[in-house]
Amino acid sequence: MADDSIKVDVIQTFIAGASPSQGELFRVISDLAKKRDPGVPIVPSLLYAFTDCHFFRDIGIPCYGFVPFKLSSKELAGIHGNDERVSVENVKDGSRMMYDIVNGLAIE
């Protein structure tokens, strides 16, 4: 911006962070995902948007942007849109997956 009349103030900033790909939480998620979809690789991804994970990471709690859904192209295209939706089947499967993650952590 080559205009000195424009002022930009930083309102909020966070240090970029990551959670380890080792540890109990990652292992439980990976094990369940492998059972659910055998042969599909478990890989980290780069999120180029805002996440609340930093609040957890700042106090030493691993946090992942894990999405327990199998999104169709239409659902994926609608993320954060005016008509954002997931199927009822995804709500059921995602709820079951999250329950299984918590249960897997509790019995360790």
PDB file of N, CA and C in Angstrom:
ATOM      1  N   MET A   1       0.858  -1.169   0.000  1.00  0.00           N
ATOM      2  CA  MET A   1       0.000   0.000   0.000  1.00  0.00           C
ATOM      3  C   MET A   1       0.900   1.227   0.000  1.00  0.00           C
ATOM      4  N   ALA A   2       0.850   1.926  -1.039  1.00  0.00           N
ATOM      5  CA  ALA A   2       1.674   3.130  -1.162  1.00  0.00           C
ATOM      6  C   ALA A   2       0.847   4.355  -0.815  1.00  0.00           C
ATOM      7  N   ASP A   3       0.178   4.304   0.323  1.00  0.00           N
ATOM      8  CA  ASP A   3      -0.670   5.414   0.747  1.00  0.00           C
ATOM      9  C   ASP A   3      -0.477   5.615   2.245  1.00  0.00           C
ATOM     10  N   ASP A   4       0.268   6.657   2.624  1.00  0.00           N
ATOM     11  CA  ASP A   4       0.566   6.911   4.034  1.00  0.00           C
ATOM     12  C   ASP A   4      -0.656   7.294   4.857  1.00  0.00           C
ATOM     13  N   SER A   5      -1.779   7.566   4.206  1.00  0.00           N
ATOM     14  CA  SER A   5      -2.987   7.930   4.956  1.00  0.00           C
ATOM     15  C   SER A   5      -3.705   6.689   5.499  1.00  0.00           C
ATOM     16  N   ILE A   6      -3.299   5.520   5.027  1.00  0.00           N
ATOM     17  CA  ILE A   6      -3.911   4.282   5.495  1.00  0.00           C
ATOM     18  C   ILE A   6      -3.093   3.752   6.661  1.00  0.00           C
ATOM     19  N   LYS A   7      -3.751   3.505   7.784  1.00  0.00           N
ATOM     20  CA  LYS A   7      -3.092   2.989   8.977  1.00  0.00           C
ATOM     21  C   LYS A   7      -3.627   1.588   9.266  1.00  0.00           C
ATOM     22  N   VAL A   8      -2.723   0.665   9.539  1.00  0.00           N
ATOM     23  CA  VAL A   8      -3.101  -0.707   9.863  1.00  0.00           C
ATOM     24  C   VAL A   8      -2.678  -0.984  11.290  1.00  0.00           C
ATOM     25  N   ASP A   9      -3.620  -1.384  12.121  1.00  0.00           N
ATOM     26  CA  ASP A   9      -3.341  -1.751  13.499  1.00  0.00           C
ATOM     27  C   ASP A   9      -3.520  -3.252  13.664  1.00  0.00           C
ATOM     28  N   VAL A  10      -2.556  -3.896  14.298  1.00  0.00           N
ATOM     29  CA  VAL A  10      -2.675  -5.317  14.611  1.00  0.00           C
ATOM     30  C   VAL A  10      -3.511  -5.423  15.874  1.00  0.00           C
ATOM     31  N   ILE A  11      -4.628  -6.098  15.785  1.00  0.00           N
ATOM     32  CA  ILE A  11      -5.540  -6.239  16.913  1.00  0.00           C
ATOM     33  C   ILE A  11      -5.222  -7.491  17.717  1.00  0.00           C
ATOM     34  N   GLN A  12      -4.899  -8.558  17.021  1.00  0.00           N
ATOM     35  CA  GLN A  12      -4.668  -9.833  17.689  1.00  0.00           C
ATOM     36  C   GLN A  12      -3.677 -10.635  16.850  1.00  0.00           C
ATOM     37  N   THR A  13      -2.729 -11.250  17.510  1.00  0.00           N
ATOM     38  CA  THR A  13      -1.766 -12.078  16.802  1.00  0.00           C
ATOM     39  C   THR A  13      -1.351 -13.244  17.683  1.00  0.00           C
ATOM     40  N   PHE A  14      -1.052 -14.365  17.056  1.00  0.00           N
ATOM     41  CA  PHE A  14      -0.634 -15.560  17.776  1.00  0.00           C
ATOM     42  C   PHE A  14       0.557 -16.163  17.054  1.00  0.00           C
ATOM     43  N   ILE A  15       1.393 -16.828  17.803  1.00  0.00           N
ATOM     44  CA  ILE A  15       2.518 -17.533  17.225  1.00  0.00           C
ATOM     45  C   ILE A  15       1.989 -18.798  16.554  1.00  0.00           C
ATOM     46  N   ALA A  16       2.489 -19.086  15.368  1.00  0.00           N
ATOM     47  CA  ALA A  16       2.090 -20.318  14.682  1.00  0.00           C
ATOM     48  C   ALA A  16       2.497 -21.507  15.537  1.00  0.00           C
ATOM     49  N   GLY A  17       1.665 -22.507  15.571  1.00  0.00           N
ATOM     50  CA  GLY A  17       1.953 -23.657  16.425  1.00  0.00           C
ATOM     51  C   GLY A  17       1.621 -24.965  15.749  1.00  0.00           C
ATOM     52  N   ALA A  18       2.050 -26.010  16.383  1.00  0.00           N
ATOM     53  CA  ALA A  18       1.758 -27.358  15.904  1.00  0.00           C
ATOM     54  C   ALA A  18       1.711 -28.284  17.109  1.00  0.00           C
ATOM     55  N   SER A  19       1.000 -29.365  16.961  1.00  0.00           N
ATOM     56  CA  SER A  19       0.973 -30.402  17.989  1.00  0.00           C
ATOM     57  C   SER A  19       1.739 -31.599  17.462  1.00  0.00           C
ATOM     58  N   PRO A  20       2.348 -32.372  18.350  1.00  0.00           N
ATOM     59  CA  PRO A  20       3.187 -33.494  17.905  1.00  0.00           C
ATOM     60  C   PRO A  20       2.372 -34.604  17.245  1.00  0.00           C
ATOM     61  N   SER A  21       3.040 -35.298  16.331  1.00  0.00           N
ATOM     62  CA  SER A  21       2.376 -36.442  15.690  1.00  0.00           C
ATOM     63  C   SER A  21       2.699 -37.737  16.447  1.00  0.00           C
ATOM     64  N   GLN A  22       3.153 -37.593  17.665  1.00  0.00           N
ATOM     65  CA  GLN A  22       3.311 -38.708  18.578  1.00  0.00           C
ATOM     66  C   GLN A  22       2.455 -38.385  19.796  1.00  0.00           C
ATOM     67  N   GLY A  23       2.214 -39.352  20.600  1.00  0.00           N
ATOM     68  CA  GLY A  23       1.439 -39.116  21.810  1.00  0.00           C
ATOM     69  C   GLY A  23       0.113 -39.835  21.773  1.00  0.00           C
ATOM     70  N   GLU A  24      -0.507 -39.850  22.936  1.00  0.00           N
ATOM     71  CA  GLU A  24      -1.723 -40.633  23.138  1.00  0.00           C
ATOM     72  C   GLU A  24      -2.884 -40.184  22.246  1.00  0.00           C
ATOM     73  N   LEU A  25      -3.148 -38.886  22.197  1.00  0.00           N
ATOM     74  CA  LEU A  25      -4.285 -38.389  21.412  1.00  0.00           C
ATOM     75  C   LEU A  25      -4.107 -38.706  19.932  1.00  0.00           C
ATOM     76  N   PHE A  26      -2.936 -38.412  19.388  1.00  0.00           N
ATOM     77  CA  PHE A  26      -2.696 -38.688  17.970  1.00  0.00           C
ATOM     78  C   PHE A  26      -2.823 -40.183  17.678  1.00  0.00           C
ATOM     79  N   ARG A  27      -2.292 -41.020  18.577  1.00  0.00           N
ATOM     80  CA  ARG A  27      -2.365 -42.468  18.386  1.00  0.00           C
ATOM     81  C   ARG A  27      -3.806 -42.953  18.375  1.00  0.00           C
ATOM     82  N   VAL A  28      -4.619 -42.474  19.320  1.00  0.00           N
ATOM     83  CA  VAL A  28      -6.029 -42.895  19.384  1.00  0.00           C
ATOM     84  C   VAL A  28      -6.771 -42.467  18.122  1.00  0.00           C
ATOM     85  N   ILE A  29      -6.580 -41.219  17.707  1.00  0.00           N
ATOM     86  CA  ILE A  29      -7.238 -40.743  16.477  1.00  0.00           C
ATOM     87  C   ILE A  29      -6.787 -41.579  15.284  1.00  0.00           C
ATOM     88  N   SER A  30      -5.474 -41.801  15.161  1.00  0.00           N
ATOM     89  CA  SER A  30      -4.940 -42.583  14.038  1.00  0.00           C
ATOM     90  C   SER A  30      -5.490 -43.997  14.022  1.00  0.00           C
ATOM     91  N   ASP A  31      -5.486 -44.654  15.183  1.00  0.00           N
ATOM     92  CA  ASP A  31      -5.994 -46.033  15.261  1.00  0.00           C
ATOM     93  C   ASP A  31      -7.453 -46.117  14.837  1.00  0.00           C
ATOM     94  N   LEU A  32      -8.259 -45.181  15.326  1.00  0.00           N
ATOM     95  CA  LEU A  32      -9.686 -45.198  14.962  1.00  0.00           C
ATOM     96  C   LEU A  32      -9.888 -44.881  13.484  1.00  0.00           C
ATOM     97  N   ALA A  33      -9.134 -43.922  12.975  1.00  0.00           N
ATOM     98  CA  ALA A  33      -9.262 -43.566  11.556  1.00  0.00           C
ATOM     99  C   ALA A  33      -8.855 -44.734  10.669  1.00  0.00           C
ATOM    100  N   LYS A  34      -7.799 -45.455  11.059  1.00  0.00           N
ATOM    101  CA  LYS A  34      -7.347 -46.615  10.280  1.00  0.00           C
ATOM    102  C   LYS A  34      -8.392 -47.737  10.299  1.00  0.00           C
ATOM    103  N   LYS A  35      -9.062 -47.923  11.431  1.00  0.00           N
ATOM    104  CA  LYS A  35     -10.126 -48.930  11.508  1.00  0.00           C
ATOM    105  C   LYS A  35     -11.311 -48.526  10.640  1.00  0.00           C
ATOM    106  N   ARG A  36     -11.607 -47.238  10.658  1.00  0.00           N
ATOM    107  CA  ARG A  36     -12.757 -46.722   9.912  1.00  0.00           C
ATOM    108  C   ARG A  36     -12.514 -46.758   8.403  1.00  0.00           C
ATOM    109  N   ASP A  37     -11.288 -46.409   7.993  1.00  0.00           N
ATOM    110  CA  ASP A  37     -10.939 -46.338   6.576  1.00  0.00           C
ATOM    111  C   ASP A  37      -9.585 -47.011   6.347  1.00  0.00           C
ATOM    112  N   PRO A  38      -9.555 -48.344   6.345  1.00  0.00           N
ATOM    113  CA  PRO A  38      -8.286 -49.051   6.175  1.00  0.00           C
ATOM    114  C   PRO A  38      -7.580 -48.639   4.876  1.00  0.00           C
ATOM    115  N   GLY A  39      -6.277 -48.463   4.986  1.00  0.00           N
ATOM    116  CA  GLY A  39      -5.489 -48.126   3.804  1.00  0.00           C
ATOM    117  C   GLY A  39      -5.382 -46.644   3.507  1.00  0.00           C
ATOM    118  N   VAL A  40      -6.173 -45.833   4.170  1.00  0.00           N
ATOM    119  CA  VAL A  40      -6.104 -44.385   3.945  1.00  0.00           C
ATOM    120  C   VAL A  40      -5.019 -43.819   4.862  1.00  0.00           C
ATOM    121  N   PRO A  41      -4.051 -43.094   4.307  1.00  0.00           N
ATOM    122  CA  PRO A  41      -2.958 -42.588   5.149  1.00  0.00           C
ATOM    123  C   PRO A  41      -3.428 -41.498   6.114  1.00  0.00           C
ATOM    124  N   ILE A  42      -2.797 -41.457   7.270  1.00  0.00           N
ATOM    125  CA  ILE A  42      -3.052 -40.417   8.260  1.00  0.00           C
ATOM    126  C   ILE A  42      -1.922 -39.405   8.106  1.00  0.00           C
ATOM    127  N   VAL A  43      -2.244 -38.214   7.662  1.00  0.00           N
ATOM    128  CA  VAL A  43      -1.211 -37.211   7.391  1.00  0.00           C
ATOM    129  C   VAL A  43      -1.598 -35.873   8.022  1.00  0.00           C
ATOM    130  N   PRO A  44      -0.601 -35.104   8.439  1.00  0.00           N
ATOM    131  CA  PRO A  44      -0.903 -33.765   8.944  1.00  0.00           C
ATOM    132  C   PRO A  44      -1.262 -32.851   7.783  1.00  0.00           C
ATOM    133  N   SER A  45      -1.945 -31.786   8.093  1.00  0.00           N
ATOM    134  CA  SER A  45      -2.280 -30.808   7.060  1.00  0.00           C
ATOM    135  C   SER A  45      -1.965 -29.413   7.584  1.00  0.00           C
ATOM    136  N   LEU A  46      -1.844 -28.494   6.684  1.00  0.00           N
ATOM    137  CA  LEU A  46      -1.566 -27.114   7.027  1.00  0.00           C
ATOM    138  C   LEU A  46      -2.872 -26.339   6.971  1.00  0.00           C
ATOM    139  N   LEU A  47      -3.211 -25.703   8.068  1.00  0.00           N
ATOM    140  CA  LEU A  47      -4.416 -24.884   8.114  1.00  0.00           C
ATOM    141  C   LEU A  47      -4.010 -23.444   7.867  1.00  0.00           C
ATOM    142  N   TYR A  48      -4.557 -22.851   6.848  1.00  0.00           N
ATOM    143  CA  TYR A  48      -4.202 -21.485   6.497  1.00  0.00           C
ATOM    144  C   TYR A  48      -5.255 -20.483   6.989  1.00  0.00           C
ATOM    145  N   ALA A  49      -5.914 -20.836   8.052  1.00  0.00           N
ATOM    146  CA  ALA A  49      -6.951 -19.981   8.612  1.00  0.00           C
ATOM    147  C   ALA A  49      -6.784 -19.941  10.127  1.00  0.00           C
ATOM    148  N   PHE A  50      -7.736 -19.360  10.806  1.00  0.00           N
ATOM    149  CA  PHE A  50      -7.680 -19.245  12.267  1.00  0.00           C
ATOM    150  C   PHE A  50      -8.170 -20.533  12.911  1.00  0.00           C
ATOM    151  N   THR A  51      -7.563 -20.875  14.023  1.00  0.00           N
ATOM    152  CA  THR A  51      -8.010 -22.012  14.810  1.00  0.00           C
ATOM    153  C   THR A  51      -7.923 -21.659  16.287  1.00  0.00           C
ATOM    154  N   ASP A  52      -8.776 -22.246  17.077  1.00  0.00           N
ATOM    155  CA  ASP A  52      -8.723 -22.058  18.535  1.00  0.00           C
ATOM    156  C   ASP A  52      -7.684 -22.970  19.186  1.00  0.00           C
ATOM    157  N   CYS A  53      -7.042 -23.827  18.401  1.00  0.00           N
ATOM    158  CA  CYS A  53      -6.077 -24.777  18.967  1.00  0.00           C
ATOM    159  C   CYS A  53      -4.973 -24.085  19.753  1.00  0.00           C
ATOM    160  N   HIS A  54      -4.611 -22.867  19.377  1.00  0.00           N
ATOM    161  CA  HIS A  54      -3.502 -22.203  20.073  1.00  0.00           C
ATOM    162  C   HIS A  54      -3.790 -22.013  21.561  1.00  0.00           C
ATOM    163  N   PHE A  55      -5.041 -21.835  21.930  1.00  0.00           N
ATOM    164  CA  PHE A  55      -5.380 -21.678  23.348  1.00  0.00           C
ATOM    165  C   PHE A  55      -4.976 -22.922  24.146  1.00  0.00           C
ATOM    166  N   PHE A  56      -5.192 -24.099  23.565  1.00  0.00           N
ATOM    167  CA  PHE A  56      -4.811 -25.356  24.212  1.00  0.00           C
ATOM    168  C   PHE A  56      -3.305 -25.557  24.169  1.00  0.00           C
ATOM    169  N   ARG A  57      -2.716 -25.326  22.993  1.00  0.00           N
ATOM    170  CA  ARG A  57      -1.270 -25.514  22.854  1.00  0.00           C
ATOM    171  C   ARG A  57      -0.492 -24.596  23.789  1.00  0.00           C
ATOM    172  N   ASP A  58      -1.013 -23.396  24.007  1.00  0.00           N
ATOM    173  CA  ASP A  58      -0.334 -22.439  24.890  1.00  0.00           C
ATOM    174  C   ASP A  58      -0.194 -22.951  26.318  1.00  0.00           C
ATOM    175  N   ILE A  59      -1.073 -23.881  26.709  1.00  0.00           N
ATOM    176  CA  ILE A  59      -0.989 -24.437  28.068  1.00  0.00           C
ATOM    177  C   ILE A  59      -0.554 -25.910  28.046  1.00  0.00           C
ATOM    178  N   GLY A  60       0.051 -26.316  26.929  1.00  0.00           N
ATOM    179  CA  GLY A  60       0.661 -27.630  26.844  1.00  0.00           C
ATOM    180  C   GLY A  60      -0.253 -28.781  26.478  1.00  0.00           C
ATOM    181  N   ILE A  61      -1.443 -28.489  25.959  1.00  0.00           N
ATOM    182  CA  ILE A  61      -2.381 -29.545  25.578  1.00  0.00           C
ATOM    183  C   ILE A  61      -2.361 -29.701  24.057  1.00  0.00           C
ATOM    184  N   PRO A  62      -2.012 -30.890  23.544  1.00  0.00           N
ATOM    185  CA  PRO A  62      -2.045 -31.095  22.094  1.00  0.00           C
ATOM    186  C   PRO A  62      -3.459 -30.870  21.552  1.00  0.00           C
ATOM    187  N   CYS A  63      -3.538 -30.287  20.392  1.00  0.00           N
ATOM    188  CA  CYS A  63      -4.838 -30.001  19.785  1.00  0.00           C
ATOM    189  C   CYS A  63      -4.714 -30.181  18.282  1.00  0.00           C
ATOM    190  N   TYR A  64      -5.675 -30.859  17.697  1.00  0.00           N
ATOM    191  CA  TYR A  64      -5.658 -31.131  16.266  1.00  0.00           C
ATOM    192  C   TYR A  64      -6.957 -30.641  15.634  1.00  0.00           C
ATOM    193  N   GLY A  65      -6.867 -30.182  14.419  1.00  0.00           N
ATOM    194  CA  GLY A  65      -8.056 -29.779  13.676  1.00  0.00           C
ATOM    195  C   GLY A  65      -8.666 -30.984  12.981  1.00  0.00           C
ATOM    196  N   PHE A  66      -8.918 -32.017  13.758  1.00  0.00           N
ATOM    197  CA  PHE A  66      -9.445 -33.268  13.218  1.00  0.00           C
ATOM    198  C   PHE A  66     -10.919 -33.103  12.863  1.00  0.00           C
ATOM    199  N   VAL A  67     -11.282 -33.503  11.672  1.00  0.00           N
ATOM    200  CA  VAL A  67     -12.671 -33.438  11.217  1.00  0.00           C
ATOM    201  C   VAL A  67     -13.165 -34.867  11.033  1.00  0.00           C
ATOM    202  N   PRO A  68     -14.103 -35.316  11.846  1.00  0.00           N
ATOM    203  CA  PRO A  68     -14.538 -36.717  11.788  1.00  0.00           C
ATOM    204  C   PRO A  68     -15.620 -36.978  10.747  1.00  0.00           C
ATOM    205  N   PHE A  69     -15.572 -36.269   9.640  1.00  0.00           N
ATOM    206  CA  PHE A  69     -16.597 -36.394   8.605  1.00  0.00           C
ATOM    207  C   PHE A  69     -15.981 -36.874   7.297  1.00  0.00           C
ATOM    208  N   LYS A  70     -16.800 -37.462   6.475  1.00  0.00           N
ATOM    209  CA  LYS A  70     -16.452 -37.755   5.091  1.00  0.00           C
ATOM    210  C   LYS A  70     -17.284 -36.792   4.254  1.00  0.00           C
ATOM    211  N   LEU A  71     -16.698 -35.658   3.930  1.00  0.00           N
ATOM    212  CA  LEU A  71     -17.434 -34.593   3.270  1.00  0.00           C
ATOM    213  C   LEU A  71     -17.521 -34.811   1.765  1.00  0.00           C
ATOM    214  N   SER A  72     -18.706 -34.592   1.233  1.00  0.00           N
ATOM    215  CA  SER A  72     -18.878 -34.608  -0.220  1.00  0.00           C
ATOM    216  C   SER A  72     -18.293 -33.313  -0.774  1.00  0.00           C
ATOM    217  N   SER A  73     -18.120 -33.252  -2.072  1.00  0.00           N
ATOM    218  CA  SER A  73     -17.614 -32.025  -2.706  1.00  0.00           C
ATOM    219  C   SER A  73     -18.522 -30.839  -2.393  1.00  0.00           C
ATOM    220  N   LYS A  74     -19.814 -31.081  -2.399  1.00  0.00           N
ATOM    221  CA  LYS A  74     -20.778 -30.011  -2.116  1.00  0.00           C
ATOM    222  C   LYS A  74     -20.641 -29.524  -0.670  1.00  0.00           C
ATOM    223  N   GLU A  75     -20.506 -30.457   0.274  1.00  0.00           N
ATOM    224  CA  GLU A  75     -20.338 -30.068   1.681  1.00  0.00           C
ATOM    225  C   GLU A  75     -19.017 -29.328   1.877  1.00  0.00           C
ATOM    226  N   LEU A  76     -17.981 -29.816   1.251  1.00  0.00           N
ATOM    227  CA  LEU A  76     -16.663 -29.184   1.373  1.00  0.00           C
ATOM    228  C   LEU A  76     -16.680 -27.763   0.821  1.00  0.00           C
ATOM    229  N   ALA A  77     -17.358 -27.561  -0.290  1.00  0.00           N
ATOM    230  CA  ALA A  77     -17.439 -26.235  -0.904  1.00  0.00           C
ATOM    231  C   ALA A  77     -18.264 -25.265  -0.054  1.00  0.00           C
ATOM    232  N   GLY A  78     -19.126 -25.776   0.812  1.00  0.00           N
ATOM    233  CA  GLY A  78     -19.993 -24.917   1.607  1.00  0.00           C
ATOM    234  C   GLY A  78     -19.445 -24.536   2.969  1.00  0.00           C
ATOM    235  N   ILE A  79     -18.227 -24.986   3.310  1.00  0.00           N
ATOM    236  CA  ILE A  79     -17.672 -24.698   4.629  1.00  0.00           C
ATOM    237  C   ILE A  79     -17.585 -23.190   4.841  1.00  0.00           C
ATOM    238  N   HIS A  80     -18.145 -22.744   5.934  1.00  0.00           N
ATOM    239  CA  HIS A  80     -18.218 -21.339   6.348  1.00  0.00           C
ATOM    240  C   HIS A  80     -19.045 -20.466   5.405  1.00  0.00           C
ATOM    241  N   GLY A  81     -19.828 -21.088   4.545  1.00  0.00           N
ATOM    242  CA  GLY A  81     -20.704 -20.325   3.661  1.00  0.00           C
ATOM    243  C   GLY A  81     -22.048 -20.071   4.321  1.00  0.00           C
ATOM    244  N   ASN A  82     -22.894 -19.350   3.628  1.00  0.00           N
ATOM    245  CA  ASN A  82     -24.223 -19.024   4.158  1.00  0.00           C
ATOM    246  C   ASN A  82     -25.077 -20.261   4.388  1.00  0.00           C
ATOM    247  N   ASP A  83     -24.870 -21.282   3.581  1.00  0.00           N
ATOM    248  CA  ASP A  83     -25.665 -22.502   3.698  1.00  0.00           C
ATOM    249  C   ASP A  83     -24.798 -23.688   4.101  1.00  0.00           C
ATOM    250  N   GLU A  84     -23.882 -23.460   5.046  1.00  0.00           N
ATOM    251  CA  GLU A  84     -23.000 -24.536   5.485  1.00  0.00           C
ATOM    252  C   GLU A  84     -23.832 -25.664   6.078  1.00  0.00           C
ATOM    253  N   ARG A  85     -23.560 -26.884   5.603  1.00  0.00           N
ATOM    254  CA  ARG A  85     -24.316 -28.039   6.068  1.00  0.00           C
ATOM    255  C   ARG A  85     -23.440 -29.285   6.023  1.00  0.00           C
ATOM    256  N   VAL A  86     -23.796 -30.243   6.864  1.00  0.00           N
ATOM    257  CA  VAL A  86     -23.271 -31.599   6.745  1.00  0.00           C
ATOM    258  C   VAL A  86     -24.469 -32.528   6.796  1.00  0.00           C
ATOM    259  N   SER A  87     -24.293 -33.683   6.226  1.00  0.00           N
ATOM    260  CA  SER A  87     -25.401 -34.640   6.186  1.00  0.00           C
ATOM    261  C   SER A  87     -25.700 -35.177   7.584  1.00  0.00           C
ATOM    262  N   VAL A  88     -26.910 -35.674   7.745  1.00  0.00           N
ATOM    263  CA  VAL A  88     -27.301 -36.304   9.004  1.00  0.00           C
ATOM    264  C   VAL A  88     -26.391 -37.499   9.269  1.00  0.00           C
ATOM    265  N   GLU A  89     -26.044 -38.214   8.225  1.00  0.00           N
ATOM    266  CA  GLU A  89     -25.133 -39.362   8.364  1.00  0.00           C
ATOM    267  C   GLU A  89     -23.781 -38.914   8.917  1.00  0.00           C
ATOM    268  N   ASN A  90     -23.278 -37.775   8.444  1.00  0.00           N
ATOM    269  CA  ASN A  90     -22.017 -37.238   8.967  1.00  0.00           C
ATOM    270  C   ASN A  90     -22.135 -36.842  10.434  1.00  0.00           C
ATOM    271  N   VAL A  91     -23.254 -36.281  10.817  1.00  0.00           N
ATOM    272  CA  VAL A  91     -23.446 -35.916  12.229  1.00  0.00           C
ATOM    273  C   VAL A  91     -23.411 -37.183  13.088  1.00  0.00           C
ATOM    274  N   LYS A  92     -24.088 -38.223  12.637  1.00  0.00           N
ATOM    275  CA  LYS A  92     -24.093 -39.490  13.381  1.00  0.00           C
ATOM    276  C   LYS A  92     -22.695 -40.108  13.436  1.00  0.00           C
ATOM    277  N   ASP A  93     -22.052 -40.235  12.266  1.00  0.00           N
ATOM    278  CA  ASP A  93     -20.721 -40.844  12.212  1.00  0.00           C
ATOM    279  C   ASP A  93     -19.696 -40.003  12.972  1.00  0.00           C
ATOM    280  N   GLY A  94     -19.759 -38.684  12.817  1.00  0.00           N
ATOM    281  CA  GLY A  94     -18.816 -37.800  13.507  1.00  0.00           C
ATOM    282  C   GLY A  94     -18.983 -37.847  15.012  1.00  0.00           C
ATOM    283  N   SER A  95     -20.222 -37.894  15.472  1.00  0.00           N
ATOM    284  CA  SER A  95     -20.485 -37.991  16.913  1.00  0.00           C
ATOM    285  C   SER A  95     -19.957 -39.308  17.458  1.00  0.00           C
ATOM    286  N   ARG A  96     -20.156 -40.375  16.702  1.00  0.00           N
ATOM    287  CA  ARG A  96     -19.651 -41.689  17.120  1.00  0.00           C
ATOM    288  C   ARG A  96     -18.121 -41.683  17.188  1.00  0.00           C
ATOM    289  N   MET A  97     -17.491 -41.086  16.187  1.00  0.00           N
ATOM    290  CA  MET A  97     -16.032 -41.028  16.153  1.00  0.00           C
ATOM    291  C   MET A  97     -15.495 -40.228  17.339  1.00  0.00           C
ATOM    292  N   MET A  98     -16.101 -39.092  17.645  1.00  0.00           N
ATOM    293  CA  MET A  98     -15.646 -38.285  18.780  1.00  0.00           C
ATOM    294  C   MET A  98     -15.857 -39.040  20.092  1.00  0.00           C
ATOM    295  N   TYR A  99     -16.973 -39.746  20.219  1.00  0.00           N
ATOM    296  CA  TYR A  99     -17.211 -40.580  21.401  1.00  0.00           C
ATOM    297  C   TYR A  99     -16.111 -41.638  21.519  1.00  0.00           C
ATOM    298  N   ASP A 100     -15.806 -42.285  20.406  1.00  0.00           N
ATOM    299  CA  ASP A 100     -14.788 -43.334  20.419  1.00  0.00           C
ATOM    300  C   ASP A 100     -13.412 -42.781  20.766  1.00  0.00           C
ATOM    301  N   ILE A 101     -13.101 -41.560  20.342  1.00  0.00           N
ATOM    302  CA  ILE A 101     -11.821 -40.932  20.707  1.00  0.00           C
ATOM    303  C   ILE A 101     -11.758 -40.703  22.225  1.00  0.00           C
ATOM    304  N   VAL A 102     -12.798 -40.102  22.775  1.00  0.00           N
ATOM    305  CA  VAL A 102     -12.822 -39.853  24.217  1.00  0.00           C
ATOM    306  C   VAL A 102     -12.761 -41.181  24.978  1.00  0.00           C
ATOM    307  N   ASN A 103     -13.516 -42.169  24.542  1.00  0.00           N
ATOM    308  CA  ASN A 103     -13.505 -43.476  25.172  1.00  0.00           C
ATOM    309  C   ASN A 103     -12.116 -44.121  25.083  1.00  0.00           C
ATOM    310  N   GLY A 104     -11.479 -43.996  23.928  1.00  0.00           N
ATOM    311  CA  GLY A 104     -10.139 -44.550  23.752  1.00  0.00           C
ATOM    312  C   GLY A 104      -9.123 -43.893  24.669  1.00  0.00           C
ATOM    313  N   LEU A 105      -9.273 -42.613  24.911  1.00  0.00           N
ATOM    314  CA  LEU A 105      -8.376 -41.913  25.833  1.00  0.00           C
ATOM    315  C   LEU A 105      -8.663 -42.299  27.289  1.00  0.00           C
ATOM    316  N   ALA A 106      -9.940 -42.530  27.587  1.00  0.00           N
ATOM    317  CA  ALA A 106     -10.336 -42.826  28.979  1.00  0.00           C
ATOM    318  C   ALA A 106      -9.869 -44.211  29.422  1.00  0.00           C
ATOM    319  N   ILE A 107      -9.774 -45.159  28.508  1.00  0.00           N
ATOM    320  CA  ILE A 107      -9.405 -46.516  28.919  1.00  0.00           C
ATOM    321  C   ILE A 107      -7.899 -46.736  28.882  1.00  0.00           C
ATOM    322  N   GLU A 108      -7.144 -45.745  28.485  1.00  0.00           N
ATOM    323  CA  GLU A 108      -5.670 -45.874  28.449  1.00  0.00           C
ATOM    324  C   GLU A 108      -5.109 -45.913  29.844  1.00  0.00           C
TER     325      GLU A 108
END
